[in-house]
Every structure is written in structure tokens, then in C-alpha cells.
Protein backbone atom coordinates (compact mmCIF):
# COMPACT_ATOMS: atom_id res chain seq x y z
CA MET A 1 -7.01 -22.38 -11.74
CA GLY A 2 -9.91 -23.91 -11.98
CA GLY A 3 -8.23 -27.11 -12.52
CA ASP A 4 -5.78 -27.14 -9.91
CA TYR A 5 -8.69 -26.68 -7.56
CA MET A 6 -10.58 -29.95 -8.90
CA SER A 7 -7.31 -31.72 -9.06
CA LYS A 8 -6.30 -30.38 -4.95
CA GLN A 9 -10.03 -31.82 -4.54
CA GLN A 10 -9.88 -35.07 -5.81
CA GLY A 11 -6.36 -35.52 -4.18
CA GLY A 12 -8.23 -35.78 -0.88
CA MET A 13 -7.78 -32.52 0.13
CA GLY A 14 -10.66 -30.75 2.14
CA GLU A 15 -12.22 -27.46 1.26
CA ASP A 16 -10.79 -25.42 3.80
CA GLU A 17 -7.16 -26.54 2.73
CA SER A 18 -7.74 -25.76 -1.06
CA TYR A 19 -9.16 -22.24 0.08
CA GLU A 20 -6.20 -21.65 2.69
CA ASP A 21 -3.57 -22.57 -0.68
CA GLU A 22 -5.69 -20.35 -2.82
CA SER A 23 -5.96 -17.82 -0.08
CA SER A 24 -2.14 -17.76 0.46
CA GLU A 25 -1.43 -17.52 -3.45
CA ASN A 26 -3.54 -14.66 -3.70
CA SER A 27 -1.77 -12.72 -0.21
CA GLN A 28 1.77 -13.78 -1.74
CA GLU A 29 0.76 -12.30 -4.90
CA ALA A 30 -0.43 -8.48 -3.88
CA HIS A 31 2.68 -8.88 -1.94
CA GLU A 32 4.60 -9.16 -4.99
CA LEU A 33 2.88 -6.25 -6.74
CA VAL A 34 2.83 -3.85 -3.41
CA SER A 35 6.89 -4.85 -3.93
CA GLN A 36 6.76 -3.91 -7.86
CA LYS A 37 5.12 -0.50 -7.14
CA LEU A 38 7.11 0.42 -4.25
CA ASN A 39 10.46 -0.08 -6.40
CA LEU A 40 8.59 1.82 -9.22
CA ILE A 41 8.42 4.86 -6.65
CA ILE A 42 11.74 4.50 -5.17
CA GLN A 43 12.71 4.58 -9.04
CA ASN A 44 10.69 7.57 -10.08
CA ALA A 45 11.65 9.51 -6.70
CA LYS A 46 15.64 8.96 -7.91
CA GLY A 47 14.73 10.65 -11.27
CA LEU A 48 12.69 13.45 -9.57
CA LEU A 49 15.44 13.68 -6.94
CA ASP A 50 17.82 13.93 -9.99
CA ALA A 51 15.73 16.39 -11.49
CA CYS A 52 16.23 18.50 -8.44
CA GLU A 53 19.94 18.73 -8.64
CA CYS A 54 19.47 20.02 -12.08
CA LYS A 55 17.32 22.79 -10.87
CA SER A 56 14.53 21.43 -13.13
CA GLU A 57 12.29 23.84 -13.37
CA GLU A 58 9.26 21.55 -14.46
CA LEU A 59 9.35 20.36 -10.68
CA ILE A 60 8.30 23.81 -8.82
CA GLU A 61 5.34 24.23 -11.21
CA PRO A 62 2.08 24.33 -9.19
CA GLU A 63 1.14 21.28 -10.69
CA ALA A 64 3.81 19.24 -10.41
CA LEU A 65 4.31 20.27 -6.72
CA GLU A 66 0.93 19.91 -5.63
CA SER A 67 1.42 16.21 -6.81
CA ILE A 68 4.52 15.80 -5.24
CA ILE A 69 3.03 16.79 -2.16
CA LEU A 70 -0.13 14.49 -2.07
CA ALA A 71 1.84 11.89 -3.15
CA CYS A 72 4.09 12.56 -0.26
CA ASP A 73 1.10 12.79 2.10
CA HIS A 74 -0.48 9.55 0.70
CA LEU A 75 2.94 7.43 1.22
CA ASP A 76 2.65 8.61 4.80
CA SER A 77 -0.63 7.75 5.23
CA VAL A 78 -0.11 4.52 4.10
CA HIS A 79 3.37 4.23 6.14
CA ASP A 80 1.53 5.32 9.63
CA TYR A 81 -1.26 2.88 9.04
CA VAL A 82 0.48 -0.32 8.30
CA MET A 83 3.52 0.55 10.76
CA SER A 84 0.81 1.79 13.63
CA GLU A 85 -0.97 -1.76 12.80
CA ASP A 86 2.55 -3.90 12.95
CA SER A 87 3.23 -2.32 16.53
CA GLU A 88 0.08 -2.56 18.09
CA ASN A 89 0.00 -6.59 16.98
CA GLU A 90 3.75 -7.43 18.18
CA SER A 91 2.94 -5.64 21.22
CA GLY A 92 -0.34 -7.78 21.97
CA GLN A 93 -2.20 -5.05 22.84
CA ASP A 94 -5.99 -5.27 21.94
CA THR A 95 -7.11 -3.58 18.54
CA LYS A 96 -9.94 -1.56 18.72
CA ALA A 97 -12.21 -1.20 16.24
CA PRO A 98 -9.83 -0.63 12.86
CA VAL A 99 -9.85 2.83 11.23
CA GLY A 100 -10.06 2.31 7.29
CA PHE A 101 -7.14 2.95 5.46
CA VAL A 102 -9.31 5.51 3.60
CA VAL A 103 -10.84 7.27 6.74
CA ALA A 104 -6.85 7.67 7.57
CA VAL A 105 -5.88 9.19 4.31
CA GLU A 106 -8.91 11.65 4.76
CA LYS A 107 -8.07 12.38 8.46
CA ALA A 108 -4.59 12.95 7.62
CA MET A 109 -5.18 15.18 4.16
CA THR A 110 -8.06 17.39 6.29
CA SER A 111 -5.40 17.76 8.89
CA ASN A 112 -2.77 18.64 6.20
CA GLY A 113 -5.34 21.96 5.25
CA ARG A 114 -6.65 19.94 2.25
CA SER A 115 -10.13 19.11 1.88
CA THR A 116 -11.00 15.73 0.18
CA THR A 117 -14.11 16.65 -1.65
């Protein structure tokens, strides 16, 4: 990556331009990672749904049930966080101080009767 940066610099590009290229590349890689992870979640959820249709006893064990509920809560929190930011940005509303994702998850978990400690 360092060689690419130097060749861009020697090619007459300014520091800001190469930083934007690197930032864009990092953003694309992050989006690809998120896409891969979400597809994995979909595959795993489909497998668990199949197990549920087969009346798998392992799904209703307390540890499995608690993990599924927790995973659902986390995904709901991420969804709400991302969608609320998108809708605020699209509507042109002034955004107040953004609530951090971790804070949003903790609030959601607390409101569902779970302690985060």
C-alpha cells in the first residue's frame, strides 16, 4: 500500500487526494466486510429456522435461546441506529449530538430488562 501512496504522490496528486483515495478504499473494504457478515447471519438464521421446523431440542435449551434473543436485540439495535441516521440525513433535519452505537445497544438491552454489566 505504501508503494501506491508514493507513486500517487510522484504522479502529481496532492496529499488530500491520495488520502481521499485511501479513505474511499477503506470504506469500500469495510462495506464488503459488513456485507459478508450480514450474508453469514442470513445463512445461519436460515439453518436455525430449518432446525426449528424440525423441532430441534437444542434450540430451546436456555443457552441457545438466550443467545438467539441477545443476537436479535443486537441486530435490532444496529438496524435502528443505521436507519435512524439515514432517515435524519435524508430529511435534512439537523442532527443533534449523535448517540454512540454502544450507548444505543446498552439502552436497548436495559429497556429489555437485561443488564449490560
